[in-house]
């Protein structure tokens, strides 16, 4: 199955955005630091997420990104689709030319699996991810590390 870092990073960044949006718009450089994702890569991803109406940008001092819809109305499959990522278990990228230009014996099996995965991810909202205890624990750990890093920077 192919789900590249583009889809994974987009979902991770959106979850980080939700976790840190209580104080207002979230700066991409902060997401970059917390999640260890290149800032330029995040800028590309967020441009696509914005075009799909998942996030909106706020300009100026204190600007950044915030969600354009409720966390209950944004689903993981939408995020992956927004960054032009597909969840595809076929060997032919869904082109049905797997075996010398023809459909192979298992093409429909892998195509059906891809559909099932997309359906599964279509049922998982950002709100449902936020309810998971392990998500909250990881966010707490990351925030603690970020606070330590800021404190150490101030000492230098």
N, C-alpha and C. Protein backbone atom coordinates (compact mmCIF):
# COMPACT_ATOMS: atom_id res chain seq x y z
N UNK A 1 0.84 -1.18 0.00
CA UNK A 1 0.00 0.00 0.00
C UNK A 1 0.88 1.24 0.00
N UNK A 2 0.52 2.21 -0.77
CA UNK A 2 1.27 3.45 -0.84
C UNK A 2 0.49 4.56 -0.15
N UNK A 3 1.02 5.02 0.95
CA UNK A 3 0.58 6.27 1.55
C UNK A 3 1.89 6.96 1.89
N UNK A 4 2.27 7.89 1.06
CA UNK A 4 3.58 8.50 1.20
C UNK A 4 3.60 9.50 2.36
N UNK A 5 4.77 10.07 2.59
CA UNK A 5 4.91 11.03 3.67
C UNK A 5 4.03 12.25 3.46
N UNK A 6 3.67 12.57 2.23
CA UNK A 6 2.82 13.72 1.98
C UNK A 6 1.49 13.60 2.73
N UNK A 7 0.84 12.45 2.61
CA UNK A 7 -0.42 12.23 3.31
C UNK A 7 -0.23 12.14 4.82
N UNK A 8 0.80 11.44 5.23
CA UNK A 8 1.07 11.30 6.67
C UNK A 8 1.38 12.66 7.30
N UNK A 9 2.23 13.44 6.64
CA UNK A 9 2.59 14.75 7.17
C UNK A 9 1.39 15.69 7.21
N UNK A 10 0.55 15.62 6.21
CA UNK A 10 -0.63 16.49 6.18
C UNK A 10 -1.55 16.19 7.35
N UNK A 11 -1.78 14.92 7.63
CA UNK A 11 -2.64 14.55 8.76
C UNK A 11 -1.98 14.95 10.08
N UNK A 12 -0.69 14.70 10.21
CA UNK A 12 0.04 15.07 11.42
C UNK A 12 -0.02 16.58 11.65
N UNK A 13 0.21 17.35 10.60
CA UNK A 13 0.20 18.81 10.73
C UNK A 13 -1.19 19.33 11.08
N UNK A 14 -2.22 18.74 10.51
CA UNK A 14 -3.58 19.17 10.83
C UNK A 14 -3.92 18.85 12.29
N UNK A 15 -3.48 17.71 12.76
CA UNK A 15 -3.72 17.34 14.16
C UNK A 15 -2.97 18.29 15.09
N UNK A 16 -1.74 18.63 14.73
CA UNK A 16 -0.97 19.59 15.51
C UNK A 16 -1.68 20.95 15.53
N UNK A 17 -2.20 21.36 14.40
CA UNK A 17 -2.93 22.62 14.31
C UNK A 17 -4.11 22.63 15.28
N UNK A 18 -4.86 21.55 15.31
CA UNK A 18 -6.00 21.44 16.21
C UNK A 18 -5.54 21.51 17.67
N UNK A 19 -4.48 20.80 17.99
CA UNK A 19 -3.99 20.75 19.36
C UNK A 19 -3.50 22.11 19.87
N UNK A 20 -3.09 22.98 18.97
CA UNK A 20 -2.48 24.25 19.40
C UNK A 20 -3.27 25.48 18.96
N UNK A 21 -4.51 25.30 18.59
CA UNK A 21 -5.28 26.43 18.06
C UNK A 21 -6.09 27.18 19.12
N UNK A 22 -6.00 26.78 20.40
CA UNK A 22 -6.78 27.46 21.45
C UNK A 22 -6.37 28.92 21.57
N UNK A 23 -5.11 29.23 21.36
CA UNK A 23 -4.62 30.60 21.51
C UNK A 23 -4.71 31.40 20.22
N UNK A 24 -5.31 30.84 19.18
CA UNK A 24 -5.43 31.56 17.92
C UNK A 24 -4.70 30.85 16.80
N UNK A 25 -4.43 31.59 15.72
CA UNK A 25 -3.77 30.97 14.55
C UNK A 25 -2.44 30.34 14.94
N UNK A 26 -2.12 29.25 14.27
CA UNK A 26 -0.89 28.50 14.55
C UNK A 26 0.10 28.76 13.43
N UNK A 27 1.30 29.11 13.82
CA UNK A 27 2.39 29.40 12.91
C UNK A 27 2.96 28.09 12.36
N UNK A 28 3.20 28.04 11.05
CA UNK A 28 3.75 26.82 10.46
C UNK A 28 5.14 26.49 10.98
N UNK A 29 5.91 27.49 11.35
CA UNK A 29 7.25 27.20 11.88
C UNK A 29 7.15 26.46 13.21
N UNK A 30 6.10 26.73 14.00
CA UNK A 30 5.92 26.01 15.26
C UNK A 30 5.56 24.56 14.98
N UNK A 31 4.69 24.32 14.01
CA UNK A 31 4.35 22.95 13.63
C UNK A 31 5.60 22.24 13.12
N UNK A 32 6.38 22.94 12.32
CA UNK A 32 7.62 22.39 11.76
C UNK A 32 8.55 21.92 12.87
N UNK A 33 8.72 22.75 13.89
CA UNK A 33 9.61 22.38 15.00
C UNK A 33 9.06 21.20 15.80
N UNK A 34 7.78 21.26 16.14
CA UNK A 34 7.20 20.19 16.97
C UNK A 34 7.17 18.85 16.25
N UNK A 35 6.87 18.87 14.95
CA UNK A 35 6.66 17.62 14.22
C UNK A 35 7.85 17.21 13.35
N UNK A 36 8.90 18.04 13.33
CA UNK A 36 10.10 17.75 12.54
C UNK A 36 9.76 17.55 11.06
N UNK A 37 8.98 18.51 10.55
CA UNK A 37 8.61 18.52 9.14
C UNK A 37 9.16 19.82 8.56
N UNK A 38 9.80 19.74 7.42
CA UNK A 38 10.37 20.92 6.78
C UNK A 38 9.32 22.02 6.60
N UNK A 39 9.72 23.25 6.91
CA UNK A 39 8.80 24.39 6.79
C UNK A 39 8.34 24.57 5.35
N UNK A 40 9.26 24.45 4.40
CA UNK A 40 8.86 24.63 3.00
C UNK A 40 7.87 23.54 2.55
N UNK A 41 8.04 22.34 3.07
CA UNK A 41 7.11 21.25 2.76
C UNK A 41 5.74 21.55 3.36
N UNK A 42 5.72 22.04 4.60
CA UNK A 42 4.45 22.41 5.24
C UNK A 42 3.76 23.53 4.47
N UNK A 43 4.51 24.48 3.98
CA UNK A 43 3.91 25.57 3.20
C UNK A 43 3.21 25.04 1.96
N UNK A 44 3.84 24.07 1.30
CA UNK A 44 3.21 23.45 0.13
C UNK A 44 1.94 22.70 0.51
N UNK A 45 2.01 21.94 1.60
CA UNK A 45 0.84 21.17 2.04
C UNK A 45 -0.30 22.10 2.44
N UNK A 46 0.00 23.15 3.19
CA UNK A 46 -1.05 24.05 3.67
C UNK A 46 -1.66 24.87 2.54
N UNK A 47 -0.91 25.13 1.49
CA UNK A 47 -1.49 25.80 0.33
C UNK A 47 -2.60 24.92 -0.27
N UNK A 48 -2.33 23.62 -0.34
CA UNK A 48 -3.33 22.68 -0.87
C UNK A 48 -4.51 22.52 0.09
N UNK A 49 -4.22 22.46 1.37
CA UNK A 49 -5.28 22.33 2.37
C UNK A 49 -6.18 23.57 2.36
N UNK A 50 -5.58 24.73 2.15
CA UNK A 50 -6.35 25.97 2.09
C UNK A 50 -7.24 26.00 0.85
N UNK A 51 -6.70 25.58 -0.27
CA UNK A 51 -7.50 25.54 -1.51
C UNK A 51 -8.71 24.62 -1.37
N UNK A 52 -8.59 23.59 -0.57
CA UNK A 52 -9.69 22.65 -0.36
C UNK A 52 -10.64 23.09 0.74
N UNK A 53 -10.39 24.22 1.36
CA UNK A 53 -11.28 24.75 2.38
C UNK A 53 -11.17 24.07 3.74
N UNK A 54 -10.02 23.46 4.00
CA UNK A 54 -9.83 22.80 5.29
C UNK A 54 -9.21 23.74 6.32
N UNK A 55 -8.37 24.66 5.83
CA UNK A 55 -7.75 25.65 6.71
C UNK A 55 -7.88 27.02 6.07
N UNK A 56 -7.69 28.05 6.89
CA UNK A 56 -7.61 29.41 6.35
C UNK A 56 -6.39 30.07 6.96
N UNK A 57 -5.83 31.00 6.21
CA UNK A 57 -4.63 31.69 6.69
C UNK A 57 -5.02 33.06 7.23
N UNK A 58 -4.32 33.45 8.27
CA UNK A 58 -4.49 34.76 8.89
C UNK A 58 -3.17 35.49 8.72
N UNK A 59 -3.21 36.63 8.06
CA UNK A 59 -1.99 37.40 7.80
C UNK A 59 -1.67 38.35 8.95
N UNK A 60 -0.44 38.80 8.94
CA UNK A 60 -0.03 39.82 9.90
C UNK A 60 0.61 39.25 11.14
N UNK A 61 0.97 40.17 12.06
CA UNK A 61 1.57 39.72 13.32
C UNK A 61 0.59 38.82 14.08
N UNK A 62 1.09 37.75 14.60
CA UNK A 62 0.22 36.80 15.29
C UNK A 62 -0.58 35.94 14.33
N UNK A 63 -0.25 36.02 13.06
CA UNK A 63 -0.97 35.25 12.04
C UNK A 63 -0.53 33.80 12.01
N UNK A 64 -1.12 33.07 11.12
CA UNK A 64 -0.83 31.66 10.96
C UNK A 64 -2.02 30.99 10.31
N UNK A 65 -2.28 29.79 10.70
CA UNK A 65 -3.38 29.03 10.13
C UNK A 65 -4.35 28.59 11.21
N UNK A 66 -5.61 28.48 10.83
CA UNK A 66 -6.64 27.90 11.69
C UNK A 66 -7.56 27.08 10.80
N UNK A 67 -8.34 26.23 11.43
CA UNK A 67 -9.27 25.40 10.67
C UNK A 67 -10.35 26.27 10.06
N UNK A 68 -10.84 25.85 8.91
CA UNK A 68 -11.92 26.57 8.26
C UNK A 68 -13.27 25.90 8.52
N UNK A 69 -13.23 24.75 9.19
CA UNK A 69 -14.44 24.02 9.55
C UNK A 69 -14.22 23.40 10.92
N UNK A 70 -15.29 22.90 11.48
CA UNK A 70 -15.23 22.22 12.78
C UNK A 70 -14.40 20.94 12.68
N UNK A 71 -13.74 20.59 13.79
CA UNK A 71 -12.95 19.35 13.80
C UNK A 71 -13.83 18.12 13.61
N UNK A 72 -15.10 18.25 13.91
CA UNK A 72 -16.01 17.12 13.71
C UNK A 72 -16.37 16.94 12.23
N UNK A 73 -16.08 17.96 11.43
CA UNK A 73 -16.45 17.93 10.01
C UNK A 73 -15.27 17.77 9.07
N UNK A 74 -14.10 17.49 9.61
CA UNK A 74 -12.91 17.26 8.78
C UNK A 74 -12.44 15.83 9.02
N UNK A 75 -12.37 15.06 7.94
CA UNK A 75 -12.03 13.65 8.01
C UNK A 75 -10.65 13.38 7.41
N UNK A 76 -10.00 12.37 7.94
CA UNK A 76 -8.64 12.03 7.53
C UNK A 76 -8.56 11.83 6.02
N UNK A 77 -9.52 11.15 5.42
CA UNK A 77 -9.49 10.92 3.97
C UNK A 77 -9.51 12.24 3.20
N UNK A 78 -10.24 13.23 3.70
CA UNK A 78 -10.30 14.55 3.04
C UNK A 78 -8.93 15.21 3.05
N UNK A 79 -8.22 15.08 4.16
CA UNK A 79 -6.90 15.69 4.29
C UNK A 79 -5.95 15.04 3.29
N UNK A 80 -5.98 13.73 3.23
CA UNK A 80 -5.11 12.99 2.31
C UNK A 80 -5.46 13.33 0.87
N UNK A 81 -6.75 13.37 0.56
CA UNK A 81 -7.18 13.73 -0.79
C UNK A 81 -6.76 15.16 -1.15
N UNK A 82 -6.82 16.07 -0.17
CA UNK A 82 -6.52 17.48 -0.42
C UNK A 82 -5.08 17.70 -0.87
N UNK A 83 -4.17 16.86 -0.40
CA UNK A 83 -2.76 17.03 -0.77
C UNK A 83 -2.38 16.13 -1.95
N UNK A 84 -3.40 15.72 -2.69
CA UNK A 84 -3.21 14.93 -3.91
C UNK A 84 -2.56 13.58 -3.65
N UNK A 85 -2.86 13.03 -2.51
CA UNK A 85 -2.34 11.72 -2.14
C UNK A 85 -3.45 10.71 -2.35
N UNK A 86 -3.09 9.53 -2.74
CA UNK A 86 -4.10 8.48 -2.84
C UNK A 86 -3.68 7.30 -1.98
N UNK A 87 -4.67 6.63 -1.49
CA UNK A 87 -4.41 5.40 -0.75
C UNK A 87 -4.66 4.29 -1.76
N UNK A 88 -3.58 3.74 -2.29
CA UNK A 88 -3.69 2.80 -3.40
C UNK A 88 -2.85 1.56 -3.12
N UNK A 89 -3.51 0.43 -3.03
CA UNK A 89 -2.82 -0.83 -2.75
C UNK A 89 -2.47 -1.59 -4.03
N UNK A 90 -2.90 -1.06 -5.19
CA UNK A 90 -2.58 -1.75 -6.45
C UNK A 90 -1.13 -1.51 -6.82
N UNK A 91 -0.63 -2.33 -7.70
CA UNK A 91 0.75 -2.19 -8.17
C UNK A 91 0.82 -1.27 -9.39
N UNK A 92 -0.34 -0.87 -9.90
CA UNK A 92 -0.41 -0.10 -11.14
C UNK A 92 -0.97 1.30 -10.94
N UNK A 93 -1.04 1.73 -9.71
CA UNK A 93 -1.62 3.04 -9.37
C UNK A 93 -3.06 3.17 -9.85
N UNK A 94 -3.77 2.06 -9.85
CA UNK A 94 -5.18 2.06 -10.23
C UNK A 94 -5.43 2.13 -11.72
N UNK A 95 -4.37 2.02 -12.53
CA UNK A 95 -4.51 2.16 -13.98
C UNK A 95 -5.00 0.89 -14.68
N UNK A 96 -5.02 -0.23 -13.97
CA UNK A 96 -5.46 -1.52 -14.52
C UNK A 96 -4.58 -1.99 -15.67
N UNK A 97 -3.30 -1.63 -15.62
CA UNK A 97 -2.35 -2.08 -16.64
C UNK A 97 -1.20 -2.82 -15.98
N UNK A 98 -1.55 -3.61 -14.96
CA UNK A 98 -0.56 -4.21 -14.07
C UNK A 98 0.30 -5.30 -14.72
N UNK A 99 -0.21 -5.96 -15.69
CA UNK A 99 0.52 -7.09 -16.27
C UNK A 99 0.62 -6.89 -17.78
N UNK A 100 1.74 -6.32 -18.18
CA UNK A 100 2.00 -6.06 -19.61
C UNK A 100 0.84 -5.30 -20.26
N UNK A 101 0.34 -4.27 -19.56
CA UNK A 101 -0.72 -3.43 -20.10
C UNK A 101 -2.12 -3.95 -19.86
N UNK A 102 -2.23 -5.09 -19.24
CA UNK A 102 -3.55 -5.70 -18.97
C UNK A 102 -3.78 -5.79 -17.46
N UNK A 103 -5.00 -6.04 -17.09
CA UNK A 103 -5.35 -6.22 -15.68
C UNK A 103 -4.78 -7.55 -15.19
N UNK A 104 -4.15 -7.53 -14.02
CA UNK A 104 -3.61 -8.77 -13.45
C UNK A 104 -4.70 -9.50 -12.66
N UNK A 105 -4.39 -10.70 -12.24
CA UNK A 105 -5.37 -11.53 -11.53
C UNK A 105 -5.87 -10.89 -10.24
N UNK A 106 -5.02 -10.18 -9.55
CA UNK A 106 -5.39 -9.65 -8.23
C UNK A 106 -5.71 -8.15 -8.23
N UNK A 107 -5.76 -7.54 -9.40
CA UNK A 107 -6.01 -6.10 -9.48
C UNK A 107 -7.28 -5.70 -8.70
N UNK A 108 -8.35 -6.40 -8.93
CA UNK A 108 -9.63 -6.02 -8.29
C UNK A 108 -9.59 -6.22 -6.78
N UNK A 109 -8.85 -7.22 -6.32
CA UNK A 109 -8.67 -7.42 -4.88
C UNK A 109 -8.00 -6.20 -4.26
N UNK A 110 -6.87 -5.76 -4.86
CA UNK A 110 -6.13 -4.63 -4.32
C UNK A 110 -6.89 -3.32 -4.50
N UNK A 111 -7.63 -3.21 -5.57
CA UNK A 111 -8.46 -2.03 -5.79
C UNK A 111 -9.57 -1.94 -4.73
N UNK A 112 -10.18 -3.09 -4.44
CA UNK A 112 -11.22 -3.13 -3.39
C UNK A 112 -10.62 -2.79 -2.02
N UNK A 113 -9.40 -3.28 -1.76
CA UNK A 113 -8.73 -2.94 -0.50
C UNK A 113 -8.50 -1.43 -0.41
N UNK A 114 -8.05 -0.82 -1.49
CA UNK A 114 -7.85 0.63 -1.51
C UNK A 114 -9.14 1.36 -1.18
N UNK A 115 -10.25 0.90 -1.77
CA UNK A 115 -11.56 1.52 -1.48
C UNK A 115 -11.93 1.36 -0.01
N UNK A 116 -11.65 0.19 0.55
CA UNK A 116 -11.97 -0.05 1.96
C UNK A 116 -11.15 0.86 2.88
N UNK A 117 -9.89 1.04 2.55
CA UNK A 117 -9.02 1.91 3.35
C UNK A 117 -9.54 3.34 3.28
N UNK A 118 -9.90 3.80 2.09
CA UNK A 118 -10.41 5.16 1.93
C UNK A 118 -11.71 5.33 2.72
N UNK A 119 -12.57 4.33 2.64
CA UNK A 119 -13.83 4.38 3.40
C UNK A 119 -13.55 4.43 4.90
N UNK A 120 -12.60 3.63 5.37
CA UNK A 120 -12.21 3.63 6.78
C UNK A 120 -11.73 5.02 7.20
N UNK A 121 -10.83 5.61 6.41
CA UNK A 121 -10.29 6.93 6.75
C UNK A 121 -11.34 8.03 6.62
N UNK A 122 -12.35 7.80 5.80
CA UNK A 122 -13.46 8.76 5.65
C UNK A 122 -14.34 8.79 6.89
N UNK A 123 -14.22 7.80 7.74
CA UNK A 123 -15.02 7.74 8.95
C UNK A 123 -14.29 8.25 10.19
N UNK A 124 -13.06 8.71 10.02
CA UNK A 124 -12.27 9.19 11.16
C UNK A 124 -12.12 10.70 11.06
N UNK A 125 -12.76 11.40 11.97
CA UNK A 125 -12.67 12.87 11.98
C UNK A 125 -11.51 13.31 12.88
N UNK A 126 -11.13 14.56 12.72
CA UNK A 126 -10.12 15.12 13.63
C UNK A 126 -10.65 15.10 15.06
N UNK A 127 -11.95 15.29 15.22
CA UNK A 127 -12.55 15.26 16.57
C UNK A 127 -12.38 13.88 17.20
N UNK A 128 -12.59 12.83 16.42
CA UNK A 128 -12.45 11.49 16.99
C UNK A 128 -10.99 11.18 17.33
N UNK A 129 -10.06 11.71 16.55
CA UNK A 129 -8.64 11.53 16.89
C UNK A 129 -8.29 12.27 18.17
N UNK A 130 -8.86 13.47 18.34
CA UNK A 130 -8.60 14.27 19.53
C UNK A 130 -9.10 13.59 20.80
N UNK A 131 -10.08 12.74 20.68
CA UNK A 131 -10.63 12.04 21.84
C UNK A 131 -9.73 10.91 22.32
N UNK A 132 -8.80 10.51 21.49
CA UNK A 132 -7.93 9.38 21.85
C UNK A 132 -6.92 9.80 22.90
N UNK A 133 -6.82 9.02 23.94
CA UNK A 133 -5.94 9.32 25.07
C UNK A 133 -4.48 9.38 24.62
N UNK A 134 -4.06 8.48 23.75
CA UNK A 134 -2.65 8.46 23.33
C UNK A 134 -2.28 9.72 22.55
N UNK A 135 -3.22 10.29 21.82
CA UNK A 135 -2.95 11.55 21.11
C UNK A 135 -2.67 12.65 22.13
N UNK A 136 -3.48 12.71 23.17
CA UNK A 136 -3.30 13.72 24.21
C UNK A 136 -1.96 13.52 24.93
N UNK A 137 -1.59 12.27 25.19
CA UNK A 137 -0.32 11.99 25.87
C UNK A 137 0.88 12.42 25.01
N UNK A 138 0.82 12.13 23.74
CA UNK A 138 1.91 12.50 22.83
C UNK A 138 2.00 14.03 22.74
N UNK A 139 0.86 14.69 22.64
CA UNK A 139 0.85 16.16 22.57
C UNK A 139 1.45 16.76 23.83
N UNK A 140 1.12 16.20 24.97
CA UNK A 140 1.68 16.68 26.24
C UNK A 140 3.19 16.52 26.24
N UNK A 141 3.68 15.37 25.80
CA UNK A 141 5.13 15.13 25.73
C UNK A 141 5.80 16.13 24.80
N UNK A 142 5.22 16.36 23.62
CA UNK A 142 5.80 17.30 22.66
C UNK A 142 5.80 18.72 23.22
N UNK A 143 4.73 19.11 23.87
CA UNK A 143 4.66 20.46 24.45
C UNK A 143 5.69 20.63 25.56
N UNK A 144 5.90 19.58 26.33
CA UNK A 144 6.90 19.62 27.41
C UNK A 144 8.30 19.81 26.82
N UNK A 145 8.60 19.06 25.76
CA UNK A 145 9.90 19.19 25.09
C UNK A 145 10.08 20.58 24.51
N UNK A 146 9.01 21.12 23.93
CA UNK A 146 9.07 22.46 23.35
C UNK A 146 9.34 23.49 24.44
N UNK A 147 8.68 23.36 25.59
CA UNK A 147 8.90 24.28 26.71
C UNK A 147 10.34 24.20 27.21
N UNK A 148 10.87 22.97 27.32
CA UNK A 148 12.26 22.81 27.74
C UNK A 148 13.22 23.46 26.76
N UNK A 149 12.94 23.29 25.48
CA UNK A 149 13.79 23.85 24.42
C UNK A 149 13.78 25.38 24.51
N UNK A 150 12.62 25.96 24.71
CA UNK A 150 12.50 27.42 24.83
C UNK A 150 13.26 27.91 26.06
N UNK A 151 13.10 27.19 27.18
CA UNK A 151 13.79 27.58 28.42
C UNK A 151 15.30 27.52 28.24
N UNK A 152 15.80 26.48 27.57
CA UNK A 152 17.24 26.35 27.36
C UNK A 152 17.75 27.43 26.42
N UNK A 153 16.95 27.82 25.44
CA UNK A 153 17.33 28.87 24.51
C UNK A 153 17.46 30.20 25.23
N UNK A 154 16.58 30.44 26.20
CA UNK A 154 16.61 31.68 26.95
C UNK A 154 17.85 31.78 27.85
N UNK A 155 18.33 30.62 28.32
CA UNK A 155 19.51 30.57 29.19
C UNK A 155 20.76 30.92 28.40
N UNK A 156 20.81 30.48 27.14
CA UNK A 156 22.00 30.71 26.31
C UNK A 156 22.19 32.13 26.03
